[in-house]
């Protein structure tokens, strides 16, 4: 049950970050460019438009990595439990002989 709840909160976070990226790229960046480009010519550069996309990519990579990490943890726990059960079964078999 625990991992399902974790996934739901992560999915929410993911959707929020996606929405934020779209808002940033479509609304905030052009507005900032329009208002400040006379004072700061740097704002004309393409990096300003790429920044939200790069940020979102970073979030995506982190999200995937975290999911892989969680999945790996669960797999490890499963494997340990299986091995433990197997060893107990073997011990039980040897006791009978």
PDB file of N, CA and C in Angstrom:
ATOM      1  N   UNK A   1       0.829  -1.213   0.000  1.00  0.00           N
ATOM      2  CA  UNK A   1       0.000   0.000   0.000  1.00  0.00           C
ATOM      3  C   UNK A   1       0.865   1.265   0.000  1.00  0.00           C
ATOM      4  N   UNK A   2       1.993   1.178   0.689  1.00  0.00           N
ATOM      5  CA  UNK A   2       2.837   2.366   0.867  1.00  0.00           C
ATOM      6  C   UNK A   2       3.339   2.915  -0.472  1.00  0.00           C
ATOM      7  N   UNK A   3       3.829   2.016  -1.345  1.00  0.00           N
ATOM      8  CA  UNK A   3       4.437   2.470  -2.604  1.00  0.00           C
ATOM      9  C   UNK A   3       3.408   3.127  -3.520  1.00  0.00           C
ATOM     10  N   UNK A   4       2.134   2.701  -3.429  1.00  0.00           N
ATOM     11  CA  UNK A   4       1.080   3.303  -4.259  1.00  0.00           C
ATOM     12  C   UNK A   4       0.898   4.766  -3.856  1.00  0.00           C
ATOM     13  N   UNK A   5       0.856   5.005  -2.547  1.00  0.00           N
ATOM     14  CA  UNK A   5       0.677   6.372  -2.059  1.00  0.00           C
ATOM     15  C   UNK A   5       1.853   7.257  -2.476  1.00  0.00           C
ATOM     16  N   UNK A   6       3.069   6.727  -2.364  1.00  0.00           N
ATOM     17  CA  UNK A   6       4.265   7.463  -2.784  1.00  0.00           C
ATOM     18  C   UNK A   6       4.137   7.854  -4.259  1.00  0.00           C
ATOM     19  N   UNK A   7       3.724   6.893  -5.084  1.00  0.00           N
ATOM     20  CA  UNK A   7       3.599   7.142  -6.521  1.00  0.00           C
ATOM     21  C   UNK A   7       2.590   8.241  -6.819  1.00  0.00           C
ATOM     22  N   UNK A   8       1.463   8.237  -6.087  1.00  0.00           N
ATOM     23  CA  UNK A   8       0.447   9.258  -6.345  1.00  0.00           C
ATOM     24  C   UNK A   8       0.986  10.656  -6.049  1.00  0.00           C
ATOM     25  N   UNK A   9       1.674  10.813  -4.929  1.00  0.00           N
ATOM     26  CA  UNK A   9       2.202  12.135  -4.584  1.00  0.00           C
ATOM     27  C   UNK A   9       3.258  12.559  -5.597  1.00  0.00           C
ATOM     28  N   UNK A  10       4.062  11.595  -6.061  1.00  0.00           N
ATOM     29  CA  UNK A  10       5.088  11.908  -7.059  1.00  0.00           C
ATOM     30  C   UNK A  10       4.464  12.319  -8.380  1.00  0.00           C
ATOM     31  N   UNK A  11       3.378  11.651  -8.760  1.00  0.00           N
ATOM     32  CA  UNK A  11       2.708  11.989 -10.017  1.00  0.00           C
ATOM     33  C   UNK A  11       2.160  13.405  -9.939  1.00  0.00           C
ATOM     34  N   UNK A  12       1.614  13.769  -8.788  1.00  0.00           N
ATOM     35  CA  UNK A  12       1.109  15.127  -8.579  1.00  0.00           C
ATOM     36  C   UNK A  12       2.217  16.144  -8.746  1.00  0.00           C
ATOM     37  N   UNK A  13       3.343  15.858  -8.115  1.00  0.00           N
ATOM     38  CA  UNK A  13       4.519  16.724  -8.189  1.00  0.00           C
ATOM     39  C   UNK A  13       4.963  16.890  -9.641  1.00  0.00           C
ATOM     40  N   UNK A  14       4.954  15.785 -10.363  1.00  0.00           N
ATOM     41  CA  UNK A  14       5.365  15.751 -11.766  1.00  0.00           C
ATOM     42  C   UNK A  14       4.453  16.644 -12.605  1.00  0.00           C
ATOM     43  N   UNK A  15       3.126  16.523 -12.392  1.00  0.00           N
ATOM     44  CA  UNK A  15       2.170  17.331 -13.154  1.00  0.00           C
ATOM     45  C   UNK A  15       2.315  18.813 -12.819  1.00  0.00           C
ATOM     46  N   UNK A  16       2.532  19.116 -11.529  1.00  0.00           N
ATOM     47  CA  UNK A  16       2.724  20.509 -11.116  1.00  0.00           C
ATOM     48  C   UNK A  16       3.959  21.084 -11.801  1.00  0.00           C
ATOM     49  N   UNK A  17       5.050  20.319 -11.822  1.00  0.00           N
ATOM     50  CA  UNK A  17       6.282  20.820 -12.434  1.00  0.00           C
ATOM     51  C   UNK A  17       6.100  21.027 -13.934  1.00  0.00           C
ATOM     52  N   UNK A  18       5.314  20.144 -14.560  1.00  0.00           N
ATOM     53  CA  UNK A  18       5.037  20.290 -15.992  1.00  0.00           C
ATOM     54  C   UNK A  18       4.254  21.578 -16.243  1.00  0.00           C
ATOM     55  N   UNK A  19       3.210  21.807 -15.437  1.00  0.00           N
ATOM     56  CA  UNK A  19       2.396  23.021 -15.569  1.00  0.00           C
ATOM     57  C   UNK A  19       3.257  24.259 -15.357  1.00  0.00           C
ATOM     58  N   UNK A  20       4.110  24.220 -14.334  1.00  0.00           N
ATOM     59  CA  UNK A  20       4.995  25.347 -14.041  1.00  0.00           C
ATOM     60  C   UNK A  20       5.919  25.631 -15.215  1.00  0.00           C
ATOM     61  N   UNK A  21       6.458  24.576 -15.823  1.00  0.00           N
ATOM     62  CA  UNK A  21       7.361  24.764 -16.949  1.00  0.00           C
ATOM     63  C   UNK A  21       6.639  25.458 -18.098  1.00  0.00           C
ATOM     64  N   UNK A  22       5.411  24.995 -18.383  1.00  0.00           N
ATOM     65  CA  UNK A  22       4.642  25.582 -19.485  1.00  0.00           C
ATOM     66  C   UNK A  22       4.360  27.053 -19.201  1.00  0.00           C
ATOM     67  N   UNK A  23       3.917  27.349 -17.956  1.00  0.00           N
ATOM     68  CA  UNK A  23       3.625  28.742 -17.581  1.00  0.00           C
ATOM     69  C   UNK A  23       4.877  29.600 -17.735  1.00  0.00           C
ATOM     70  N   UNK A  24       5.996  29.098 -17.226  1.00  0.00           N
ATOM     71  CA  UNK A  24       7.257  29.837 -17.318  1.00  0.00           C
ATOM     72  C   UNK A  24       7.637  30.115 -18.766  1.00  0.00           C
ATOM     73  N   UNK A  25       7.586  29.074 -19.590  1.00  0.00           N
ATOM     74  CA  UNK A  25       8.051  29.204 -20.971  1.00  0.00           C
ATOM     75  C   UNK A  25       7.135  30.097 -21.792  1.00  0.00           C
ATOM     76  N   UNK A  26       5.816  30.021 -21.523  1.00  0.00           N
ATOM     77  CA  UNK A  26       4.851  30.718 -22.380  1.00  0.00           C
ATOM     78  C   UNK A  26       4.552  32.130 -21.891  1.00  0.00           C
ATOM     79  N   UNK A  27       4.488  32.317 -20.555  1.00  0.00           N
ATOM     80  CA  UNK A  27       4.041  33.607 -20.026  1.00  0.00           C
ATOM     81  C   UNK A  27       5.185  34.402 -19.405  1.00  0.00           C
ATOM     82  N   UNK A  28       5.871  33.801 -18.431  1.00  0.00           N
ATOM     83  CA  UNK A  28       6.833  34.555 -17.628  1.00  0.00           C
ATOM     84  C   UNK A  28       8.035  35.014 -18.445  1.00  0.00           C
ATOM     85  N   UNK A  29       8.637  34.091 -19.203  1.00  0.00           N
ATOM     86  CA  UNK A  29       9.857  34.437 -19.938  1.00  0.00           C
ATOM     87  C   UNK A  29       9.626  35.566 -20.947  1.00  0.00           C
ATOM     88  N   UNK A  30       8.579  35.480 -21.809  1.00  0.00           N
ATOM     89  CA  UNK A  30       8.341  36.586 -22.743  1.00  0.00           C
ATOM     90  C   UNK A  30       8.062  37.915 -22.041  1.00  0.00           C
ATOM     91  N   UNK A  31       7.316  37.878 -20.928  1.00  0.00           N
ATOM     92  CA  UNK A  31       7.019  39.102 -20.179  1.00  0.00           C
ATOM     93  C   UNK A  31       8.303  39.720 -19.644  1.00  0.00           C
ATOM     94  N   UNK A  32       9.136  38.894 -19.033  1.00  0.00           N
ATOM     95  CA  UNK A  32      10.407  39.378 -18.490  1.00  0.00           C
ATOM     96  C   UNK A  32      11.258  39.960 -19.612  1.00  0.00           C
ATOM     97  N   UNK A  33      11.293  39.257 -20.747  1.00  0.00           N
ATOM     98  CA  UNK A  33      12.086  39.744 -21.879  1.00  0.00           C
ATOM     99  C   UNK A  33      11.571  41.101 -22.354  1.00  0.00           C
ATOM    100  N   UNK A  34      10.255  41.233 -22.444  1.00  0.00           N
ATOM    101  CA  UNK A  34       9.669  42.466 -22.950  1.00  0.00           C
ATOM    102  C   UNK A  34      10.000  43.652 -22.038  1.00  0.00           C
ATOM    103  N   UNK A  35       9.876  43.424 -20.718  1.00  0.00           N
ATOM    104  CA  UNK A  35      10.018  44.538 -19.781  1.00  0.00           C
ATOM    105  C   UNK A  35      11.462  44.911 -19.485  1.00  0.00           C
ATOM    106  N   UNK A  36      12.365  43.943 -19.505  1.00  0.00           N
ATOM    107  CA  UNK A  36      13.707  44.221 -19.023  1.00  0.00           C
ATOM    108  C   UNK A  36      14.790  44.209 -20.096  1.00  0.00           C
ATOM    109  N   UNK A  37      14.447  43.859 -21.352  1.00  0.00           N
ATOM    110  CA  UNK A  37      15.534  43.652 -22.321  1.00  0.00           C
ATOM    111  C   UNK A  37      16.297  44.929 -22.656  1.00  0.00           C
ATOM    112  N   UNK A  38      15.707  46.110 -22.441  1.00  0.00           N
ATOM    113  CA  UNK A  38      16.444  47.354 -22.722  1.00  0.00           C
ATOM    114  C   UNK A  38      17.569  47.541 -21.714  1.00  0.00           C
ATOM    115  N   UNK A  39      17.273  47.207 -20.454  1.00  0.00           N
ATOM    116  CA  UNK A  39      18.282  47.369 -19.413  1.00  0.00           C
ATOM    117  C   UNK A  39      19.289  46.221 -19.417  1.00  0.00           C
ATOM    118  N   UNK A  40      18.786  45.014 -19.690  1.00  0.00           N
ATOM    119  CA  UNK A  40      19.662  43.834 -19.655  1.00  0.00           C
ATOM    120  C   UNK A  40      19.612  43.119 -21.000  1.00  0.00           C
ATOM    121  N   UNK A  41      20.545  43.449 -21.905  1.00  0.00           N
ATOM    122  CA  UNK A  41      20.539  42.819 -23.235  1.00  0.00           C
ATOM    123  C   UNK A  41      20.700  41.295 -23.150  1.00  0.00           C
ATOM    124  N   UNK A  42      21.261  40.810 -22.030  1.00  0.00           N
ATOM    125  CA  UNK A  42      21.461  39.367 -21.835  1.00  0.00           C
ATOM    126  C   UNK A  42      20.139  38.620 -21.967  1.00  0.00           C
ATOM    127  N   UNK A  43      19.036  39.275 -21.562  1.00  0.00           N
ATOM    128  CA  UNK A  43      17.733  38.621 -21.561  1.00  0.00           C
ATOM    129  C   UNK A  43      17.265  38.257 -22.965  1.00  0.00           C
ATOM    130  N   UNK A  44      17.895  38.840 -23.978  1.00  0.00           N
ATOM    131  CA  UNK A  44      17.495  38.512 -25.344  1.00  0.00           C
ATOM    132  C   UNK A  44      17.961  37.115 -25.745  1.00  0.00           C
ATOM    133  N   UNK A  45      18.900  36.576 -24.980  1.00  0.00           N
ATOM    134  CA  UNK A  45      19.504  35.308 -25.401  1.00  0.00           C
ATOM    135  C   UNK A  45      18.512  34.154 -25.317  1.00  0.00           C
ATOM    136  N   UNK A  46      18.820  33.120 -26.095  1.00  0.00           N
ATOM    137  CA  UNK A  46      17.966  31.941 -26.169  1.00  0.00           C
ATOM    138  C   UNK A  46      17.894  31.188 -24.848  1.00  0.00           C
ATOM    139  N   UNK A  47      18.930  31.338 -24.013  1.00  0.00           N
ATOM    140  CA  UNK A  47      18.979  30.587 -22.755  1.00  0.00           C
ATOM    141  C   UNK A  47      17.756  30.829 -21.900  1.00  0.00           C
ATOM    142  N   UNK A  48      17.202  32.051 -22.015  1.00  0.00           N
ATOM    143  CA  UNK A  48      16.032  32.369 -21.194  1.00  0.00           C
ATOM    144  C   UNK A  48      14.845  31.512 -21.583  1.00  0.00           C
ATOM    145  N   UNK A  49      14.752  31.187 -22.860  1.00  0.00           N
ATOM    146  CA  UNK A  49      13.635  30.353 -23.298  1.00  0.00           C
ATOM    147  C   UNK A  49      13.910  28.888 -23.007  1.00  0.00           C
ATOM    148  N   UNK A  50      15.192  28.530 -22.978  1.00  0.00           N
ATOM    149  CA  UNK A  50      15.555  27.135 -22.714  1.00  0.00           C
ATOM    150  C   UNK A  50      15.523  26.798 -21.230  1.00  0.00           C
ATOM    151  N   UNK A  51      15.722  27.817 -20.370  1.00  0.00           N
ATOM    152  CA  UNK A  51      15.839  27.570 -18.928  1.00  0.00           C
ATOM    153  C   UNK A  51      14.700  26.726 -18.347  1.00  0.00           C
ATOM    154  N   UNK A  52      13.419  27.077 -18.599  1.00  0.00           N
ATOM    155  CA  UNK A  52      12.336  26.267 -18.016  1.00  0.00           C
ATOM    156  C   UNK A  52      12.349  24.832 -18.527  1.00  0.00           C
ATOM    157  N   UNK A  53      12.702  24.667 -19.803  1.00  0.00           N
ATOM    158  CA  UNK A  53      12.723  23.326 -20.387  1.00  0.00           C
ATOM    159  C   UNK A  53      13.846  22.504 -19.752  1.00  0.00           C
ATOM    160  N   UNK A  54      15.007  23.141 -19.562  1.00  0.00           N
ATOM    161  CA  UNK A  54      16.126  22.459 -18.917  1.00  0.00           C
ATOM    162  C   UNK A  54      15.763  22.086 -17.487  1.00  0.00           C
ATOM    163  N   UNK A  55      15.106  23.016 -16.781  1.00  0.00           N
ATOM    164  CA  UNK A  55      14.695  22.750 -15.401  1.00  0.00           C
ATOM    165  C   UNK A  55      13.744  21.562 -15.360  1.00  0.00           C
ATOM    166  N   UNK A  56      12.799  21.552 -16.297  1.00  0.00           N
ATOM    167  CA  UNK A  56      11.833  20.457 -16.326  1.00  0.00           C
ATOM    168  C   UNK A  56      12.519  19.128 -16.630  1.00  0.00           C
ATOM    169  N   UNK A  57      13.477  19.157 -17.557  1.00  0.00           N
ATOM    170  CA  UNK A  57      14.222  17.937 -17.879  1.00  0.00           C
ATOM    171  C   UNK A  57      14.937  17.408 -16.643  1.00  0.00           C
ATOM    172  N   UNK A  58      15.521  18.327 -15.874  1.00  0.00           N
ATOM    173  CA  UNK A  58      16.209  17.928 -14.641  1.00  0.00           C
ATOM    174  C   UNK A  58      15.225  17.261 -13.682  1.00  0.00           C
ATOM    175  N   UNK A  59      14.029  17.861 -13.553  1.00  0.00           N
ATOM    176  CA  UNK A  59      12.996  17.290 -12.679  1.00  0.00           C
ATOM    177  C   UNK A  59      12.610  15.899 -13.173  1.00  0.00           C
ATOM    178  N   UNK A  60      12.446  15.775 -14.487  1.00  0.00           N
ATOM    179  CA  UNK A  60      12.068  14.490 -15.084  1.00  0.00           C
ATOM    180  C   UNK A  60      13.114  13.421 -14.788  1.00  0.00           C
ATOM    181  N   UNK A  61      14.382  13.783 -14.982  1.00  0.00           N
ATOM    182  CA  UNK A  61      15.471  12.836 -14.742  1.00  0.00           C
ATOM    183  C   UNK A  61      15.482  12.421 -13.272  1.00  0.00           C
ATOM    184  N   UNK A  62      15.315  13.415 -12.383  1.00  0.00           N
ATOM    185  CA  UNK A  62      15.290  13.123 -10.948  1.00  0.00           C
ATOM    186  C   UNK A  62      14.133  12.182 -10.616  1.00  0.00           C
ATOM    187  N   UNK A  63      12.981  12.449 -11.232  1.00  0.00           N
ATOM    188  CA  UNK A  63      11.770  11.651 -11.001  1.00  0.00           C
ATOM    189  C   UNK A  63      11.999  10.199 -11.416  1.00  0.00           C
ATOM    190  N   UNK A  64      12.554  10.023 -12.612  1.00  0.00           N
ATOM    191  CA  UNK A  64      12.808   8.675 -13.129  1.00  0.00           C
ATOM    192  C   UNK A  64      13.837   7.962 -12.259  1.00  0.00           C
ATOM    193  N   UNK A  65      14.907   8.685 -11.899  1.00  0.00           N
ATOM    194  CA  UNK A  65      15.958   8.103 -11.067  1.00  0.00           C
ATOM    195  C   UNK A  65      15.384   7.652  -9.732  1.00  0.00           C
ATOM    196  N   UNK A  66      14.544   8.515  -9.136  1.00  0.00           N
ATOM    197  CA  UNK A  66      13.938   8.195  -7.845  1.00  0.00           C
ATOM    198  C   UNK A  66      13.068   6.950  -7.957  1.00  0.00           C
ATOM    199  N   UNK A  67      12.277   6.878  -9.034  1.00  0.00           N
ATOM    200  CA  UNK A  67      11.419   5.708  -9.246  1.00  0.00           C
ATOM    201  C   UNK A  67      12.250   4.439  -9.412  1.00  0.00           C
ATOM    202  N   UNK A  68      13.339   4.546 -10.190  1.00  0.00           N
ATOM    203  CA  UNK A  68      14.226   3.400 -10.385  1.00  0.00           C
ATOM    204  C   UNK A  68      14.833   2.968  -9.058  1.00  0.00           C
ATOM    205  N   UNK A  69      15.238   3.956  -8.259  1.00  0.00           N
ATOM    206  CA  UNK A  69      15.833   3.692  -6.950  1.00  0.00           C
ATOM    207  C   UNK A  69      14.838   2.955  -6.058  1.00  0.00           C
ATOM    208  N   UNK A  70      13.590   3.474  -6.020  1.00  0.00           N
ATOM    209  CA  UNK A  70      12.536   2.831  -5.225  1.00  0.00           C
ATOM    210  C   UNK A  70      12.290   1.410  -5.712  1.00  0.00           C
ATOM    211  N   UNK A  71      12.154   1.256  -7.029  1.00  0.00           N
ATOM    212  CA  UNK A  71      11.915  -0.059  -7.612  1.00  0.00           C
ATOM    213  C   UNK A  71      13.042  -1.019  -7.267  1.00  0.00           C
ATOM    214  N   UNK A  72      14.278  -0.534  -7.363  1.00  0.00           N
ATOM    215  CA  UNK A  72      15.440  -1.343  -7.021  1.00  0.00           C
ATOM    216  C   UNK A  72      15.412  -1.775  -5.564  1.00  0.00           C
ATOM    217  N   UNK A  73      15.037  -0.839  -4.687  1.00  0.00           N
ATOM    218  CA  UNK A  73      14.938  -1.155  -3.260  1.00  0.00           C
ATOM    219  C   UNK A  73      13.934  -2.263  -3.019  1.00  0.00           C
ATOM    220  N   UNK A  74      12.741  -2.111  -3.624  1.00  0.00           N
ATOM    221  CA  UNK A  74      11.696  -3.120  -3.439  1.00  0.00           C
ATOM    222  C   UNK A  74      12.159  -4.473  -3.973  1.00  0.00           C
ATOM    223  N   UNK A  75      12.851  -4.460  -5.121  1.00  0.00           N
ATOM    224  CA  UNK A  75      13.374  -5.699  -5.696  1.00  0.00           C
ATOM    225  C   UNK A  75      14.374  -6.360  -4.754  1.00  0.00           C
ATOM    226  N   UNK A  76      15.267  -5.546  -4.187  1.00  0.00           N
ATOM    227  CA  UNK A  76      16.270  -6.070  -3.259  1.00  0.00           C
ATOM    228  C   UNK A  76      15.610  -6.715  -2.049  1.00  0.00           C
ATOM    229  N   UNK A  77      14.607  -6.016  -1.487  1.00  0.00           N
ATOM    230  CA  UNK A  77      13.894  -6.540  -0.319  1.00  0.00           C
ATOM    231  C   UNK A  77      13.224  -7.862  -0.677  1.00  0.00           C
ATOM    232  N   UNK A  78      12.584  -7.894  -1.848  1.00  0.00           N
ATOM    233  CA  UNK A  78      11.934  -9.124  -2.320  1.00  0.00           C
ATOM    234  C   UNK A  78      12.943 -10.263  -2.429  1.00  0.00           C
ATOM    235  N   UNK A  79      14.085  -9.975  -3.065  1.00  0.00           N
ATOM    236  CA  UNK A  79      15.114 -10.998  -3.246  1.00  0.00           C
ATOM    237  C   UNK A  79      15.613 -11.525  -1.909  1.00  0.00           C
ATOM    238  N   UNK A  80      15.828 -10.610  -0.951  1.00  0.00           N
ATOM    239  CA  UNK A  80      16.311 -11.014   0.363  1.00  0.00           C
ATOM    240  C   UNK A  80      15.296 -11.911   1.055  1.00  0.00           C
ATOM    241  N   UNK A  81      14.016 -11.543   0.944  1.00  0.00           N
ATOM    242  CA  UNK A  81      12.954 -12.358   1.545  1.00  0.00           C
ATOM    243  C   UNK A  81      12.895 -13.739   0.899  1.00  0.00           C
ATOM    244  N   UNK A  82      13.019 -13.776  -0.438  1.00  0.00           N
ATOM    245  CA  UNK A  82      12.978 -15.055  -1.159  1.00  0.00           C
ATOM    246  C   UNK A  82      14.150 -15.939  -0.729  1.00  0.00           C
ATOM    247  N   UNK A  83      15.360 -15.344  -0.680  1.00  0.00           N
ATOM    248  CA  UNK A  83      16.550 -16.095  -0.273  1.00  0.00           C
ATOM    249  C   UNK A  83      16.408 -16.608   1.149  1.00  0.00           C
ATOM    250  N   UNK A  84      15.876 -15.746   2.024  1.00  0.00           N
ATOM    251  CA  UNK A  84      15.676 -16.116   3.419  1.00  0.00           C
ATOM    252  C   UNK A  84      14.726 -17.308   3.509  1.00  0.00           C
ATOM    253  N   UNK A  85      13.625 -17.226   2.782  1.00  0.00           N
ATOM    254  CA  UNK A  85      12.645 -18.317   2.767  1.00  0.00           C
ATOM    255  C   UNK A  85      13.264 -19.604   2.244  1.00  0.00           C
ATOM    256  N   UNK A  86      14.077 -19.465   1.191  1.00  0.00           N
ATOM    257  CA  UNK A  86      14.729 -20.626   0.573  1.00  0.00           C
ATOM    258  C   UNK A  86      15.686 -21.296   1.565  1.00  0.00           C
ATOM    259  N   UNK A  87      16.477 -20.455   2.250  1.00  0.00           N
ATOM    260  CA  UNK A  87      17.439 -20.986   3.220  1.00  0.00           C
ATOM    261  C   UNK A  87      16.717 -21.712   4.354  1.00  0.00           C
ATOM    262  N   UNK A  88      15.599 -21.140   4.821  1.00  0.00           N
ATOM    263  CA  UNK A  88      14.830 -21.775   5.894  1.00  0.00           C
ATOM    264  C   UNK A  88      14.281 -23.117   5.430  1.00  0.00           C
ATOM    265  N   UNK A  89      13.812 -23.134   4.173  1.00  0.00           N
ATOM    266  CA  UNK A  89      13.263 -24.370   3.605  1.00  0.00           C
ATOM    267  C   UNK A  89      14.362 -25.440   3.532  1.00  0.00           C
ATOM    268  N   UNK A  90      15.543 -25.024   3.068  1.00  0.00           N
ATOM    269  CA  UNK A  90      16.678 -25.946   2.971  1.00  0.00           C
ATOM    270  C   UNK A  90      17.035 -26.489   4.351  1.00  0.00           C
ATOM    271  N   UNK A  91      17.069 -25.594   5.337  1.00  0.00           N
ATOM    272  CA  UNK A  91      17.402 -25.999   6.706  1.00  0.00           C
ATOM    273  C   UNK A  91      16.378 -27.015   7.208  1.00  0.00           C
ATOM    274  N   UNK A  92      15.112 -26.780   6.901  1.00  0.00           N
ATOM    275  CA  UNK A  92      14.035 -27.668   7.321  1.00  0.00           C
ATOM    276  C   UNK A  92      14.214 -29.041   6.660  1.00  0.00           C
ATOM    277  N   UNK A  93      14.577 -29.030   5.369  1.00  0.00           N
ATOM    278  CA  UNK A  93      14.781 -30.283   4.640  1.00  0.00           C
ATOM    279  C   UNK A  93      15.938 -31.079   5.232  1.00  0.00           C
ATOM    280  N   UNK A  94      17.033 -30.384   5.561  1.00  0.00           N
ATOM    281  CA  UNK A  94      18.210 -31.061   6.101  1.00  0.00           C
ATOM    282  C   UNK A  94      17.944 -31.617   7.489  1.00  0.00           C
ATOM    283  N   UNK A  95      17.074 -30.946   8.243  1.00  0.00           N
ATOM    284  CA  UNK A  95      16.755 -31.398   9.589  1.00  0.00           C
ATOM    285  C   UNK A  95      16.031 -32.752   9.542  1.00  0.00           C
ATOM    286  N   UNK A  96      15.197 -32.924   8.509  1.00  0.00           N
ATOM    287  CA  UNK A  96      14.411 -34.158   8.407  1.00  0.00           C
ATOM    288  C   UNK A  96      15.293 -35.371   8.135  1.00  0.00           C
ATOM    289  N   UNK A  97      16.382 -35.174   7.365  1.00  0.00           N
ATOM    290  CA  UNK A  97      17.219 -36.332   6.999  1.00  0.00           C
ATOM    291  C   UNK A  97      18.051 -36.823   8.172  1.00  0.00           C
TER     292      UNK A  97
END
